Each structure stands twice: as C-alpha cells, then as structure tokens.
Amino acid sequence: MTTDQLSITFAALADPTRRAILSRLSAGEASVTELAKPFDLSLPGISKHLKVLQRAGLIRQSRKAQWRPCRLDGARLKEAADWVGEYRQFWDESFERLDEYLATVQKEETHDSESRDNDGKN
C-alpha cells in the first residue's frame, strides 16, 4: 500500500459521520436511505460521504434493480490497522517503562512516608 492510499484512508476515517456509516455497514449491507436515517443530513449529503468512502476503498456499492446497497470492504481498514499496529510495540514498551517508573515513585513515597512516621514516634 502506498502512503498516498493510507492518507486517503485516514482522511476518510477522520469524519465521525463516515465512521458511523462504516460502523453501521459492519452489521451488513444497507441502502443509502437506511444509512441516512440516523443523521440530520439530506440524501445528497450522505451520498457525498459515501463517495469519499468509496474513493478510499472502504465501501462498495452495487446495483440490485432500483436498490443500490452499500457494503463494507475491510481490506483498506486492515491496511490502516496494520500500519497502526506497527507502532504497538513502541507503545507497549513505553507503557511498561511508565509502569516501572510509577512503581519506583510509589515505593519511594511509601519509604519517605514511613521514615517520617518513624521519626515522629521518637
């Protein structure tokens, strides 16, 4: 996958309406009218979002007589997830280092608190 395609995918995913459409399509294909129902948008407005998703390769639209159902095409989502996944090791290691640091700080605070308590008893 080229960086340009990845940019197109992430640009399509940047909009909450388009993410909601993808979420709905993850349950199965739907018509444009069905996809428009939960939104305060006109059918042409929804169609513009669908075109962005189609250009990004995230959905496909077919024709069954007068009905034009849309369905999710997960290949581009997988490519984006794989790209993000490449950074998982970095984040996991960063969080492990943070956990170790916090454990050290907590141990020092506990030790300091116990020392102050013991000093006050004498």
N, C-alpha and C. Protein backbone atom coordinates (compact mmCIF):
# COMPACT_ATOMS: atom_id res chain seq x y z
N MET A 1 0.85 -1.18 0.00
CA MET A 1 0.00 0.00 0.00
C MET A 1 0.89 1.24 0.00
N THR A 2 0.57 2.20 -0.83
CA THR A 2 1.36 3.41 -0.87
C THR A 2 0.92 4.35 0.24
N THR A 3 1.80 5.26 0.58
CA THR A 3 1.47 6.24 1.61
C THR A 3 0.27 7.07 1.18
N ASP A 4 0.15 7.36 -0.13
CA ASP A 4 -0.99 8.13 -0.60
C ASP A 4 -2.31 7.42 -0.28
N GLN A 5 -2.36 6.12 -0.50
CA GLN A 5 -3.59 5.38 -0.19
C GLN A 5 -3.87 5.41 1.30
N LEU A 6 -2.84 5.30 2.09
CA LEU A 6 -3.02 5.37 3.54
C LEU A 6 -3.56 6.73 3.95
N SER A 7 -3.06 7.78 3.33
CA SER A 7 -3.56 9.14 3.61
C SER A 7 -5.02 9.27 3.22
N ILE A 8 -5.40 8.70 2.10
CA ILE A 8 -6.79 8.75 1.66
C ILE A 8 -7.67 7.99 2.65
N THR A 9 -7.20 6.85 3.11
CA THR A 9 -7.97 6.05 4.06
C THR A 9 -8.17 6.82 5.36
N PHE A 10 -7.09 7.36 5.91
CA PHE A 10 -7.20 8.09 7.18
C PHE A 10 -8.03 9.37 7.02
N ALA A 11 -7.95 10.02 5.87
CA ALA A 11 -8.77 11.21 5.64
C ALA A 11 -10.25 10.83 5.63
N ALA A 12 -10.58 9.70 5.04
CA ALA A 12 -11.97 9.24 5.03
C ALA A 12 -12.43 8.89 6.44
N LEU A 13 -11.54 8.30 7.22
CA LEU A 13 -11.89 7.90 8.58
C LEU A 13 -11.93 9.07 9.55
N ALA A 14 -11.43 10.23 9.14
CA ALA A 14 -11.35 11.38 10.04
C ALA A 14 -12.72 11.96 10.37
N ASP A 15 -13.71 11.69 9.57
CA ASP A 15 -15.03 12.28 9.79
C ASP A 15 -15.92 11.35 10.61
N PRO A 16 -16.54 11.85 11.68
CA PRO A 16 -17.37 10.98 12.54
C PRO A 16 -18.59 10.40 11.83
N THR A 17 -19.15 11.14 10.87
CA THR A 17 -20.30 10.61 10.12
C THR A 17 -19.87 9.40 9.30
N ARG A 18 -18.72 9.50 8.66
CA ARG A 18 -18.24 8.37 7.85
C ARG A 18 -17.89 7.18 8.73
N ARG A 19 -17.32 7.43 9.91
CA ARG A 19 -17.04 6.31 10.82
C ARG A 19 -18.33 5.65 11.27
N ALA A 20 -19.37 6.45 11.51
CA ALA A 20 -20.66 5.89 11.91
C ALA A 20 -21.27 5.07 10.77
N ILE A 21 -21.11 5.53 9.55
CA ILE A 21 -21.59 4.76 8.39
C ILE A 21 -20.87 3.42 8.32
N LEU A 22 -19.56 3.44 8.49
CA LEU A 22 -18.79 2.19 8.47
C LEU A 22 -19.24 1.26 9.59
N SER A 23 -19.50 1.83 10.75
CA SER A 23 -19.96 1.02 11.87
C SER A 23 -21.28 0.35 11.52
N ARG A 24 -22.20 1.11 10.92
CA ARG A 24 -23.48 0.52 10.51
C ARG A 24 -23.27 -0.58 9.48
N LEU A 25 -22.39 -0.35 8.52
CA LEU A 25 -22.15 -1.33 7.46
C LEU A 25 -21.44 -2.58 7.99
N SER A 26 -20.81 -2.49 9.14
CA SER A 26 -20.17 -3.69 9.71
C SER A 26 -21.22 -4.72 10.11
N ALA A 27 -22.48 -4.28 10.26
CA ALA A 27 -23.58 -5.19 10.59
C ALA A 27 -24.21 -5.79 9.34
N GLY A 28 -23.85 -5.30 8.16
CA GLY A 28 -24.41 -5.81 6.91
C GLY A 28 -24.71 -4.69 5.95
N GLU A 29 -24.99 -5.06 4.70
CA GLU A 29 -25.22 -4.04 3.68
C GLU A 29 -26.49 -3.25 3.98
N ALA A 30 -26.53 -2.04 3.44
CA ALA A 30 -27.67 -1.14 3.66
C ALA A 30 -27.80 -0.20 2.48
N SER A 31 -29.00 0.29 2.29
CA SER A 31 -29.25 1.26 1.22
C SER A 31 -28.83 2.65 1.71
N VAL A 32 -28.74 3.57 0.76
CA VAL A 32 -28.40 4.96 1.10
C VAL A 32 -29.45 5.52 2.05
N THR A 33 -30.71 5.24 1.79
CA THR A 33 -31.80 5.72 2.65
C THR A 33 -31.65 5.18 4.06
N GLU A 34 -31.33 3.91 4.19
CA GLU A 34 -31.14 3.31 5.52
C GLU A 34 -29.96 3.95 6.23
N LEU A 35 -28.90 4.20 5.50
CA LEU A 35 -27.71 4.81 6.10
C LEU A 35 -27.98 6.26 6.53
N ALA A 36 -28.88 6.94 5.82
CA ALA A 36 -29.16 8.35 6.12
C ALA A 36 -30.05 8.52 7.35
N LYS A 37 -30.82 7.51 7.71
CA LYS A 37 -31.82 7.65 8.79
C LYS A 37 -31.28 8.25 10.08
N PRO A 38 -30.17 7.78 10.64
CA PRO A 38 -29.76 8.32 11.95
C PRO A 38 -29.14 9.72 11.89
N PHE A 39 -28.96 10.27 10.70
CA PHE A 39 -28.27 11.55 10.57
C PHE A 39 -29.23 12.66 10.16
N ASP A 40 -28.88 13.87 10.56
CA ASP A 40 -29.64 15.04 10.15
C ASP A 40 -29.01 15.59 8.88
N LEU A 41 -28.97 14.73 7.86
CA LEU A 41 -28.37 15.10 6.58
C LEU A 41 -29.32 14.71 5.45
N SER A 42 -29.23 15.43 4.36
CA SER A 42 -30.02 15.09 3.18
C SER A 42 -29.41 13.85 2.51
N LEU A 43 -30.17 13.24 1.61
CA LEU A 43 -29.62 12.11 0.85
C LEU A 43 -28.40 12.53 0.03
N PRO A 44 -28.40 13.71 -0.61
CA PRO A 44 -27.18 14.14 -1.31
C PRO A 44 -25.99 14.30 -0.35
N GLY A 45 -26.26 14.75 0.88
CA GLY A 45 -25.18 14.89 1.87
C GLY A 45 -24.59 13.54 2.24
N ILE A 46 -25.45 12.55 2.46
CA ILE A 46 -24.98 11.19 2.75
C ILE A 46 -24.24 10.63 1.55
N SER A 47 -24.76 10.90 0.35
CA SER A 47 -24.12 10.40 -0.87
C SER A 47 -22.69 10.93 -1.01
N LYS A 48 -22.47 12.18 -0.59
CA LYS A 48 -21.11 12.74 -0.64
C LYS A 48 -20.18 11.97 0.29
N HIS A 49 -20.67 11.64 1.48
CA HIS A 49 -19.87 10.84 2.41
C HIS A 49 -19.58 9.46 1.82
N LEU A 50 -20.58 8.87 1.19
CA LEU A 50 -20.41 7.54 0.60
C LEU A 50 -19.38 7.58 -0.53
N LYS A 51 -19.37 8.65 -1.31
CA LYS A 51 -18.39 8.78 -2.39
C LYS A 51 -16.96 8.84 -1.82
N VAL A 52 -16.79 9.57 -0.71
CA VAL A 52 -15.47 9.64 -0.08
C VAL A 52 -15.05 8.24 0.37
N LEU A 53 -15.98 7.51 0.99
CA LEU A 53 -15.68 6.16 1.46
C LEU A 53 -15.38 5.22 0.30
N GLN A 54 -16.10 5.39 -0.81
CA GLN A 54 -15.84 4.56 -1.99
C GLN A 54 -14.48 4.87 -2.59
N ARG A 55 -14.15 6.15 -2.72
CA ARG A 55 -12.83 6.51 -3.28
C ARG A 55 -11.69 5.98 -2.42
N ALA A 56 -11.93 5.90 -1.11
CA ALA A 56 -10.91 5.38 -0.20
C ALA A 56 -10.88 3.86 -0.22
N GLY A 57 -11.84 3.24 -0.90
CA GLY A 57 -11.87 1.78 -0.97
C GLY A 57 -12.43 1.13 0.29
N LEU A 58 -13.15 1.89 1.09
CA LEU A 58 -13.68 1.37 2.35
C LEU A 58 -15.06 0.74 2.19
N ILE A 59 -15.78 1.14 1.15
CA ILE A 59 -17.09 0.54 0.89
C ILE A 59 -17.23 0.27 -0.60
N ARG A 60 -18.18 -0.59 -0.91
CA ARG A 60 -18.56 -0.87 -2.30
C ARG A 60 -20.06 -0.69 -2.41
N GLN A 61 -20.49 -0.26 -3.57
CA GLN A 61 -21.91 -0.08 -3.81
C GLN A 61 -22.26 -0.86 -5.06
N SER A 62 -23.28 -1.69 -4.96
CA SER A 62 -23.71 -2.49 -6.10
C SER A 62 -25.11 -2.07 -6.51
N ARG A 63 -25.60 -2.70 -7.53
CA ARG A 63 -26.94 -2.37 -8.01
C ARG A 63 -27.75 -3.65 -8.08
N LYS A 64 -28.89 -3.63 -7.40
CA LYS A 64 -29.86 -4.72 -7.46
C LYS A 64 -31.19 -4.10 -7.83
N ALA A 65 -31.51 -4.09 -9.11
CA ALA A 65 -32.69 -3.42 -9.65
C ALA A 65 -32.61 -1.94 -9.28
N GLN A 66 -33.59 -1.41 -8.56
CA GLN A 66 -33.59 0.00 -8.16
C GLN A 66 -32.81 0.24 -6.87
N TRP A 67 -32.45 -0.83 -6.19
CA TRP A 67 -31.79 -0.73 -4.90
C TRP A 67 -30.28 -0.71 -5.11
N ARG A 68 -29.58 0.20 -4.45
CA ARG A 68 -28.11 0.30 -4.57
C ARG A 68 -27.49 0.09 -3.19
N PRO A 69 -27.39 -1.17 -2.77
CA PRO A 69 -26.87 -1.42 -1.42
C PRO A 69 -25.38 -1.12 -1.31
N CYS A 70 -24.98 -0.65 -0.14
CA CYS A 70 -23.58 -0.40 0.18
C CYS A 70 -23.13 -1.49 1.13
N ARG A 71 -21.87 -1.87 1.00
CA ARG A 71 -21.32 -2.85 1.94
C ARG A 71 -19.88 -2.48 2.25
N LEU A 72 -19.48 -2.88 3.43
CA LEU A 72 -18.13 -2.60 3.91
C LEU A 72 -17.12 -3.43 3.13
N ASP A 73 -15.99 -2.82 2.81
CA ASP A 73 -14.87 -3.54 2.20
C ASP A 73 -13.71 -3.39 3.17
N GLY A 74 -13.41 -4.43 3.91
CA GLY A 74 -12.47 -4.34 5.02
C GLY A 74 -11.00 -4.32 4.67
N ALA A 75 -10.64 -4.50 3.42
CA ALA A 75 -9.21 -4.58 3.07
C ALA A 75 -8.45 -3.30 3.44
N ARG A 76 -9.01 -2.14 3.12
CA ARG A 76 -8.32 -0.87 3.44
C ARG A 76 -8.28 -0.64 4.95
N LEU A 77 -9.33 -1.05 5.65
CA LEU A 77 -9.31 -0.93 7.11
C LEU A 77 -8.21 -1.79 7.70
N LYS A 78 -8.03 -2.99 7.15
CA LYS A 78 -6.97 -3.88 7.63
C LYS A 78 -5.61 -3.25 7.38
N GLU A 79 -5.42 -2.65 6.21
CA GLU A 79 -4.15 -1.99 5.90
C GLU A 79 -3.86 -0.86 6.88
N ALA A 80 -4.88 -0.07 7.20
CA ALA A 80 -4.70 1.02 8.17
C ALA A 80 -4.40 0.46 9.55
N ALA A 81 -5.12 -0.60 9.93
CA ALA A 81 -4.89 -1.22 11.24
C ALA A 81 -3.49 -1.82 11.32
N ASP A 82 -3.04 -2.42 10.24
CA ASP A 82 -1.68 -2.98 10.20
C ASP A 82 -0.64 -1.88 10.37
N TRP A 83 -0.87 -0.73 9.72
CA TRP A 83 0.07 0.37 9.84
C TRP A 83 0.13 0.87 11.28
N VAL A 84 -1.03 1.05 11.89
CA VAL A 84 -1.08 1.49 13.28
C VAL A 84 -0.44 0.42 14.17
N GLY A 85 -0.69 -0.84 13.86
CA GLY A 85 -0.15 -1.95 14.64
C GLY A 85 1.37 -1.98 14.69
N GLU A 86 2.01 -1.42 13.67
CA GLU A 86 3.47 -1.37 13.66
C GLU A 86 4.01 -0.58 14.84
N TYR A 87 3.20 0.31 15.38
CA TYR A 87 3.62 1.14 16.50
C TYR A 87 3.21 0.57 17.84
N ARG A 88 2.54 -0.56 17.83
CA ARG A 88 2.07 -1.18 19.07
C ARG A 88 3.24 -1.53 20.00
N GLN A 89 4.29 -2.10 19.46
CA GLN A 89 5.44 -2.46 20.29
C GLN A 89 6.02 -1.22 20.96
N PHE A 90 6.12 -0.13 20.22
CA PHE A 90 6.63 1.12 20.79
C PHE A 90 5.78 1.55 21.98
N TRP A 91 4.45 1.55 21.81
CA TRP A 91 3.56 1.98 22.88
C TRP A 91 3.59 1.01 24.04
N ASP A 92 3.61 -0.29 23.75
CA ASP A 92 3.67 -1.28 24.83
C ASP A 92 4.93 -1.07 25.68
N GLU A 93 6.07 -0.87 25.01
CA GLU A 93 7.32 -0.66 25.73
C GLU A 93 7.29 0.66 26.50
N SER A 94 6.70 1.69 25.92
CA SER A 94 6.60 2.98 26.61
C SER A 94 5.74 2.85 27.87
N PHE A 95 4.64 2.13 27.77
CA PHE A 95 3.77 1.95 28.93
C PHE A 95 4.45 1.09 29.99
N GLU A 96 5.23 0.10 29.58
CA GLU A 96 5.97 -0.71 30.55
C GLU A 96 6.96 0.15 31.31
N ARG A 97 7.68 1.03 30.59
CA ARG A 97 8.63 1.93 31.25
C ARG A 97 7.91 2.87 32.20
N LEU A 98 6.76 3.35 31.81
CA LEU A 98 5.97 4.23 32.67
C LEU A 98 5.52 3.48 33.92
N ASP A 99 5.06 2.24 33.76
CA ASP A 99 4.66 1.43 34.92
C ASP A 99 5.82 1.24 35.89
N GLU A 100 7.01 0.95 35.35
CA GLU A 100 8.18 0.77 36.19
C GLU A 100 8.51 2.06 36.94
N TYR A 101 8.44 3.19 36.24
CA TYR A 101 8.73 4.47 36.86
C TYR A 101 7.73 4.77 37.98
N LEU A 102 6.45 4.56 37.71
CA LEU A 102 5.43 4.83 38.72
C LEU A 102 5.60 3.92 39.93
N ALA A 103 5.96 2.66 39.70
CA ALA A 103 6.20 1.75 40.82
C ALA A 103 7.36 2.24 41.67
N THR A 104 8.42 2.74 41.04
CA THR A 104 9.57 3.27 41.75
C THR A 104 9.18 4.50 42.57
N VAL A 105 8.42 5.40 41.98
CA VAL A 105 7.99 6.62 42.67
C VAL A 105 7.11 6.26 43.86
N GLN A 106 6.18 5.32 43.66
CA GLN A 106 5.30 4.91 44.76
C GLN A 106 6.10 4.28 45.89
N LYS A 107 7.08 3.48 45.53
CA LYS A 107 7.92 2.83 46.54
C LYS A 107 8.69 3.89 47.33
N GLU A 108 9.24 4.90 46.64
CA GLU A 108 9.97 5.98 47.30
C GLU A 108 9.05 6.78 48.21
N GLU A 109 7.83 7.07 47.75
CA GLU A 109 6.89 7.83 48.56
C GLU A 109 6.51 7.04 49.81
N THR A 110 6.29 5.74 49.66
CA THR A 110 5.96 4.90 50.81
C THR A 110 7.11 4.88 51.79
N HIS A 111 8.32 4.74 51.28
CA HIS A 111 9.51 4.72 52.14
C HIS A 111 9.66 6.05 52.87
N ASP A 112 9.49 7.18 52.16
CA ASP A 112 9.60 8.51 52.77
C ASP A 112 8.52 8.70 53.83
N SER A 113 7.32 8.27 53.55
CA SER A 113 6.20 8.39 54.49
C SER A 113 6.47 7.57 55.76
N GLU A 114 6.98 6.36 55.58
CA GLU A 114 7.29 5.51 56.74
C GLU A 114 8.42 6.12 57.56
N SER A 115 9.41 6.71 56.89
CA SER A 115 10.52 7.36 57.60
C SER A 115 10.03 8.53 58.43
N ARG A 116 9.13 9.34 57.88
CA ARG A 116 8.59 10.48 58.62
C ARG A 116 7.77 10.00 59.81
N ASP A 117 6.99 8.92 59.61
CA ASP A 117 6.18 8.37 60.71
C ASP A 117 7.08 7.87 61.82
N ASN A 118 8.14 7.19 61.48
CA ASN A 118 9.06 6.65 62.47
C ASN A 118 9.81 7.77 63.18
N ASP A 119 10.15 8.84 62.47
CA ASP A 119 10.84 9.97 63.09
C ASP A 119 9.93 10.67 64.10
N GLY A 120 8.65 10.72 63.83
CA GLY A 120 7.71 11.39 64.73
C GLY A 120 7.43 10.60 65.99
N LYS A 121 7.68 9.31 66.02
CA LYS A 121 7.42 8.46 67.17
C LYS A 121 8.52 8.53 68.21
N ASN A 122 9.67 8.97 67.82
CA ASN A 122 10.82 9.02 68.74
C ASN A 122 10.78 10.20 69.62
